[in-house]
Amino acid sequence: MESALLDRFRKRLSDQTLSLSISLLTKLSSVRPPSSATALWANAGFGDPCCATLRKYLAESCTEGGFAFKESGTYVNMEGPQFSTRAESELHRSWGASVIGMTVCAEAKLCKEAEISYAVLAMATDYDCWKTDEEDVSVQAVVATLTKNVGISLAVVARCIPKIVAHKGDHPLKGFMSQAIMTRPELMPKSQMAALEPIIGQYFKCPEWVPPTKKDDSAASTGDLQKTLLFGIAVGFAANYFFSKLH
């Protein structure tokens, strides 16, 4: 789960209305290096970025806690850190977008490829700059609203965790990557197979990973791949630390 800070495009979303976004519009120039650089090609389906099962548990948790939320919406992922121009903001509204932020897309893609359920618990902190009868967004206003909403976010997550633990049956994304890997096993670089073993090990026999050394370029490349795979986990820990400090 990711708790994201957002600007909103719709009057129906108040500062304390949570949004369970299900669609993404990405404006990032690059989420990561192209897969052609790794010599191991995989195209993971991304039509539905968020896990329906996890979203269901979050919606149930919001309802049980009496917290206002919207079950659907489109999230614009922009390059950050920066704010939109008024023209950009109006363009995003014309597309039917609900909220805008600077995270989510990279995390959602990495989680899909790692077969990890991912969902967004979005907290709107202010209106985007399209709303001219409001003061322009400021960091101070964002932090003030964030501090107010941290308790709500933590309460929803606390209700959601037992539902995840009690989940019956297979993992919602079990086998998701089984048909997504295009490179034949005999053509996969051994170092990259070793780095990706936590994900592709259930489909292919992978060699044991060896820690990189300065003289071993291929091993160094393996280390870079593992850093990419761990990015989503690191973001989660960082967010948890950040929220704990504010609470």
Protein backbone atom coordinates (compact mmCIF):
# COMPACT_ATOMS: atom_id res chain seq x y z
CA MET A 1 0.00 0.00 0.00
CA GLU A 2 1.17 3.53 -0.67
CA SER A 3 -0.15 6.60 1.08
CA ALA A 4 0.30 9.44 -1.42
CA LEU A 5 0.05 13.24 -1.15
CA LEU A 6 -1.89 14.86 -3.98
CA ASP A 7 -3.39 17.99 -5.49
CA ARG A 8 -6.97 17.59 -6.64
CA PHE A 9 -8.84 18.55 -9.80
CA ARG A 10 -12.41 17.94 -8.55
CA LYS A 11 -14.49 19.93 -6.06
CA ARG A 12 -16.10 16.72 -4.79
CA LEU A 13 -12.78 15.66 -3.23
CA SER A 14 -12.31 17.41 0.11
CA ASP A 15 -9.08 17.59 2.12
CA GLN A 16 -10.24 14.60 4.15
CA THR A 17 -11.62 12.47 1.31
CA LEU A 18 -9.44 9.47 0.49
CA SER A 19 -9.14 8.39 -3.13
CA LEU A 20 -8.50 4.79 -4.19
CA SER A 21 -7.16 5.61 -7.66
CA ILE A 22 -7.37 2.81 -10.21
CA SER A 23 -6.01 4.43 -13.39
CA LEU A 24 -2.71 6.17 -14.08
CA LEU A 25 -1.61 8.82 -16.56
CA THR A 26 2.16 9.04 -16.50
CA LYS A 27 4.11 12.10 -17.63
CA LEU A 28 7.48 10.77 -16.53
CA SER A 29 10.29 10.95 -19.09
CA SER A 30 11.71 7.68 -17.78
CA VAL A 31 10.82 5.37 -14.92
CA ARG A 32 14.06 3.40 -15.34
CA PRO A 33 16.53 2.36 -18.06
CA PRO A 34 14.93 0.49 -20.98
CA SER A 35 14.78 -3.30 -20.66
CA SER A 36 16.93 -3.59 -23.79
CA ALA A 37 19.87 -2.53 -21.60
CA THR A 38 19.47 -5.66 -19.48
CA ALA A 39 19.21 -8.23 -22.33
CA LEU A 40 16.30 -9.78 -20.44
CA TRP A 41 13.01 -8.64 -21.90
CA ALA A 42 9.70 -8.69 -20.05
CA ASN A 43 6.45 -6.87 -20.76
CA ALA A 44 4.23 -6.90 -17.67
CA GLY A 45 0.57 -6.05 -18.23
CA PHE A 46 -0.23 -2.64 -16.76
CA GLY A 47 -3.85 -2.10 -17.78
CA ASP A 48 -4.90 -2.21 -14.12
CA PRO A 49 -2.00 -0.76 -12.09
CA CYS A 50 -3.58 -1.45 -8.70
CA CYS A 51 -4.53 -4.80 -7.20
CA ALA A 52 -8.33 -5.17 -7.10
CA THR A 53 -8.17 -7.38 -3.99
CA LEU A 54 -6.06 -4.92 -2.01
CA ARG A 55 -8.26 -2.02 -3.14
CA LYS A 56 -11.30 -3.96 -1.90
CA TYR A 57 -9.70 -4.40 1.52
CA LEU A 58 -8.86 -0.68 1.66
CA ALA A 59 -12.43 0.29 0.69
CA GLU A 60 -13.82 -1.99 3.41
CA SER A 61 -11.42 -0.45 5.93
CA CYS A 62 -12.51 3.08 5.00
CA THR A 63 -16.18 2.13 5.34
CA GLU A 64 -15.67 0.42 8.71
CA GLY A 65 -13.76 3.43 10.03
CA GLY A 66 -16.34 5.91 8.76
CA PHE A 67 -13.86 7.68 6.49
CA ALA A 68 -15.07 9.37 3.30
CA PHE A 69 -13.49 7.96 0.14
CA LYS A 70 -13.91 7.62 -3.62
CA GLU A 71 -13.50 4.13 -5.07
CA SER A 72 -12.38 5.21 -8.53
CA GLY A 73 -10.36 7.94 -10.16
CA THR A 74 -7.45 8.73 -12.43
CA TYR A 75 -4.08 9.76 -11.04
CA VAL A 76 -1.67 11.93 -13.06
CA ASN A 77 1.96 11.11 -12.26
CA MET A 78 4.10 14.14 -13.09
CA GLU A 79 7.83 14.79 -12.87
CA GLY A 80 8.79 16.25 -9.51
CA PRO A 81 9.56 18.02 -7.38
CA GLN A 82 7.60 20.85 -8.99
CA PHE A 83 4.08 22.24 -9.34
CA SER A 84 1.98 22.40 -12.53
CA THR A 85 1.34 25.50 -14.57
CA ARG A 86 -2.30 26.62 -14.74
CA ALA A 87 -2.46 25.53 -18.39
CA GLU A 88 -1.22 22.04 -17.48
CA SER A 89 -3.71 21.85 -14.64
CA GLU A 90 -6.61 22.72 -16.94
CA LEU A 91 -5.36 20.14 -19.46
CA HIS A 92 -5.36 17.40 -16.82
CA ARG A 93 -8.90 18.36 -15.81
CA SER A 94 -10.03 18.13 -19.44
CA TRP A 95 -8.65 14.58 -19.51
CA GLY A 96 -10.95 13.65 -16.64
CA ALA A 97 -8.17 13.21 -14.08
CA SER A 98 -9.01 13.35 -10.39
CA VAL A 99 -5.69 13.98 -8.66
CA ILE A 100 -2.02 14.64 -9.43
CA GLY A 101 1.17 13.66 -7.63
CA MET A 102 4.84 12.83 -8.09
CA THR A 103 4.95 9.16 -7.07
CA VAL A 104 2.99 5.91 -7.72
CA CYS A 105 3.88 5.01 -11.32
CA ALA A 106 7.36 3.65 -10.65
CA GLU A 107 6.21 1.80 -7.54
CA ALA A 108 3.18 0.33 -9.33
CA LYS A 109 5.29 -0.93 -12.24
CA LEU A 110 7.92 -2.49 -10.01
CA CYS A 111 5.29 -4.17 -7.85
CA LYS A 112 3.58 -5.65 -10.91
CA GLU A 113 6.85 -7.14 -12.11
CA ALA A 114 7.65 -8.45 -8.63
CA GLU A 115 4.13 -9.93 -8.33
CA ILE A 116 3.41 -7.76 -5.28
CA SER A 117 -0.11 -6.46 -4.68
CA TYR A 118 -0.12 -2.66 -4.80
CA ALA A 119 -2.80 -0.05 -4.11
CA VAL A 120 -2.88 3.69 -3.47
CA LEU A 121 -4.49 5.37 -0.49
CA ALA A 122 -4.46 8.93 -1.82
CA MET A 123 -4.89 11.99 0.41
CA ALA A 124 -5.68 15.27 -1.36
CA THR A 125 -3.84 18.10 0.37
CA ASP A 126 -5.10 21.02 -1.72
CA TYR A 127 -6.57 22.07 -5.07
CA ASP A 128 -4.23 22.14 -8.03
CA CYS A 129 -3.65 25.61 -9.47
CA TRP A 130 -6.66 25.44 -11.87
CA LYS A 131 -8.86 26.78 -9.04
CA THR A 132 -8.20 30.50 -9.23
CA ASP A 133 -10.49 31.48 -6.34
CA GLU A 134 -8.13 29.62 -3.98
CA GLU A 135 -4.62 30.67 -2.96
CA ASP A 136 -1.85 29.03 -4.98
CA VAL A 137 -0.48 25.87 -3.42
CA SER A 138 2.34 26.26 -0.90
CA VAL A 139 4.53 23.77 0.93
CA GLN A 140 3.23 25.11 4.27
CA ALA A 141 -0.40 24.39 3.31
CA VAL A 142 0.47 20.90 2.08
CA VAL A 143 2.28 20.01 5.31
CA ALA A 144 -0.56 21.38 7.47
CA THR A 145 -3.16 19.23 5.72
CA LEU A 146 -0.84 16.24 5.68
CA THR A 147 -0.37 16.42 9.44
CA LYS A 148 -4.17 16.48 9.83
CA ASN A 149 -4.66 13.43 7.60
CA VAL A 150 -1.88 11.21 8.93
CA GLY A 151 -4.15 9.84 11.65
CA ILE A 152 -6.79 8.89 9.09
CA SER A 153 -4.27 7.14 6.88
CA LEU A 154 -2.81 5.16 9.79
CA ALA A 155 -6.28 4.16 11.01
CA VAL A 156 -7.24 2.81 7.57
CA VAL A 157 -3.99 0.87 7.20
CA ALA A 158 -4.38 -0.58 10.71
CA ARG A 159 -7.82 -1.92 9.75
CA CYS A 160 -6.56 -3.22 6.41
CA ILE A 161 -3.58 -5.25 7.64
CA PRO A 162 -5.67 -7.95 9.41
CA LYS A 163 -7.69 -8.39 6.20
CA ILE A 164 -4.49 -9.01 4.26
CA VAL A 165 -3.28 -11.49 6.86
CA ALA A 166 -6.63 -13.32 6.77
CA HIS A 167 -6.69 -13.51 2.94
CA LYS A 168 -7.66 -16.98 1.74
CA GLY A 169 -6.51 -18.65 -1.44
CA ASP A 170 -3.69 -17.81 -3.83
CA HIS A 171 -1.93 -14.47 -3.90
CA PRO A 172 -3.85 -12.17 -6.32
CA LEU A 173 -0.78 -11.79 -8.57
CA LYS A 174 0.47 -15.38 -8.40
CA GLY A 175 1.92 -16.35 -11.78
CA PHE A 176 1.41 -12.85 -13.19
CA MET A 177 4.84 -12.79 -14.86
CA SER A 178 4.67 -16.33 -16.21
CA GLN A 179 3.67 -15.14 -19.69
CA ALA A 180 5.43 -11.76 -19.56
CA ILE A 181 9.09 -12.81 -19.94
CA MET A 182 10.03 -12.83 -23.61
CA THR A 183 13.74 -13.77 -23.54
CA ARG A 184 14.47 -17.49 -23.82
CA PRO A 185 16.24 -18.84 -20.70
CA GLU A 186 19.32 -19.96 -22.65
CA LEU A 187 19.82 -16.36 -23.85
CA MET A 188 19.48 -14.73 -20.43
CA PRO A 189 22.74 -13.40 -18.93
CA LYS A 190 23.56 -15.51 -15.88
CA SER A 191 24.32 -12.46 -13.72
CA GLN A 192 20.91 -10.95 -14.45
CA MET A 193 19.11 -14.24 -13.87
CA ALA A 194 20.81 -14.41 -10.46
CA ALA A 195 19.76 -10.84 -9.62
CA LEU A 196 16.16 -11.52 -10.63
CA GLU A 197 15.91 -14.93 -8.94
CA PRO A 198 13.40 -13.71 -6.30
CA ILE A 199 10.98 -13.01 -9.18
CA ILE A 200 11.82 -15.40 -12.01
CA GLY A 201 13.16 -18.26 -9.87
CA GLN A 202 9.72 -19.86 -9.85
CA TYR A 203 9.82 -20.04 -13.66
CA PHE A 204 13.50 -20.71 -14.43
CA LYS A 205 16.45 -22.32 -12.70
CA CYS A 206 18.70 -19.41 -11.75
CA PRO A 207 22.37 -19.43 -10.70
CA GLU A 208 23.31 -18.31 -7.22
CA TRP A 209 23.85 -14.58 -6.86
CA VAL A 210 27.43 -13.48 -6.12
CA PRO A 211 28.05 -10.06 -4.50
CA PRO A 212 29.64 -7.64 -7.01
CA THR A 213 33.27 -6.61 -6.94
CA LYS A 214 34.81 -3.45 -8.36
CA LYS A 215 36.62 -5.42 -11.03
CA ASP A 216 33.54 -7.36 -12.14
CA ASP A 217 31.43 -5.15 -14.42
CA SER A 218 28.78 -7.81 -14.99
CA ALA A 219 28.40 -8.33 -11.25
CA ALA A 220 28.17 -4.59 -10.77
CA SER A 221 25.34 -4.58 -13.29
CA THR A 222 23.69 -7.31 -11.22
CA GLY A 223 23.97 -5.12 -8.14
CA ASP A 224 22.30 -2.24 -9.99
CA LEU A 225 19.41 -4.50 -10.96
CA GLN A 226 18.89 -5.60 -7.38
CA LYS A 227 18.88 -1.97 -6.26
CA THR A 228 16.09 -1.33 -8.78
CA LEU A 229 14.09 -4.31 -7.52
CA LEU A 230 14.41 -3.10 -3.93
CA PHE A 231 13.36 0.46 -4.79
CA GLY A 232 9.68 -0.14 -4.03
CA ILE A 233 10.50 -1.71 -0.67
CA ALA A 234 12.78 1.20 0.24
CA VAL A 235 10.04 3.70 -0.63
CA GLY A 236 7.66 1.85 1.67
CA PHE A 237 10.07 1.93 4.60
CA ALA A 238 10.83 5.61 4.01
CA ALA A 239 7.13 6.49 3.96
CA ASN A 240 6.55 4.53 7.16
CA TYR A 241 9.41 6.38 8.88
CA PHE A 242 8.13 9.74 7.64
CA PHE A 243 4.59 9.12 8.89
CA SER A 244 5.83 7.85 12.27
CA LYS A 245 7.74 11.08 12.78
CA LEU A 246 4.70 13.20 11.99
CA HIS A 247 2.27 11.21 14.13
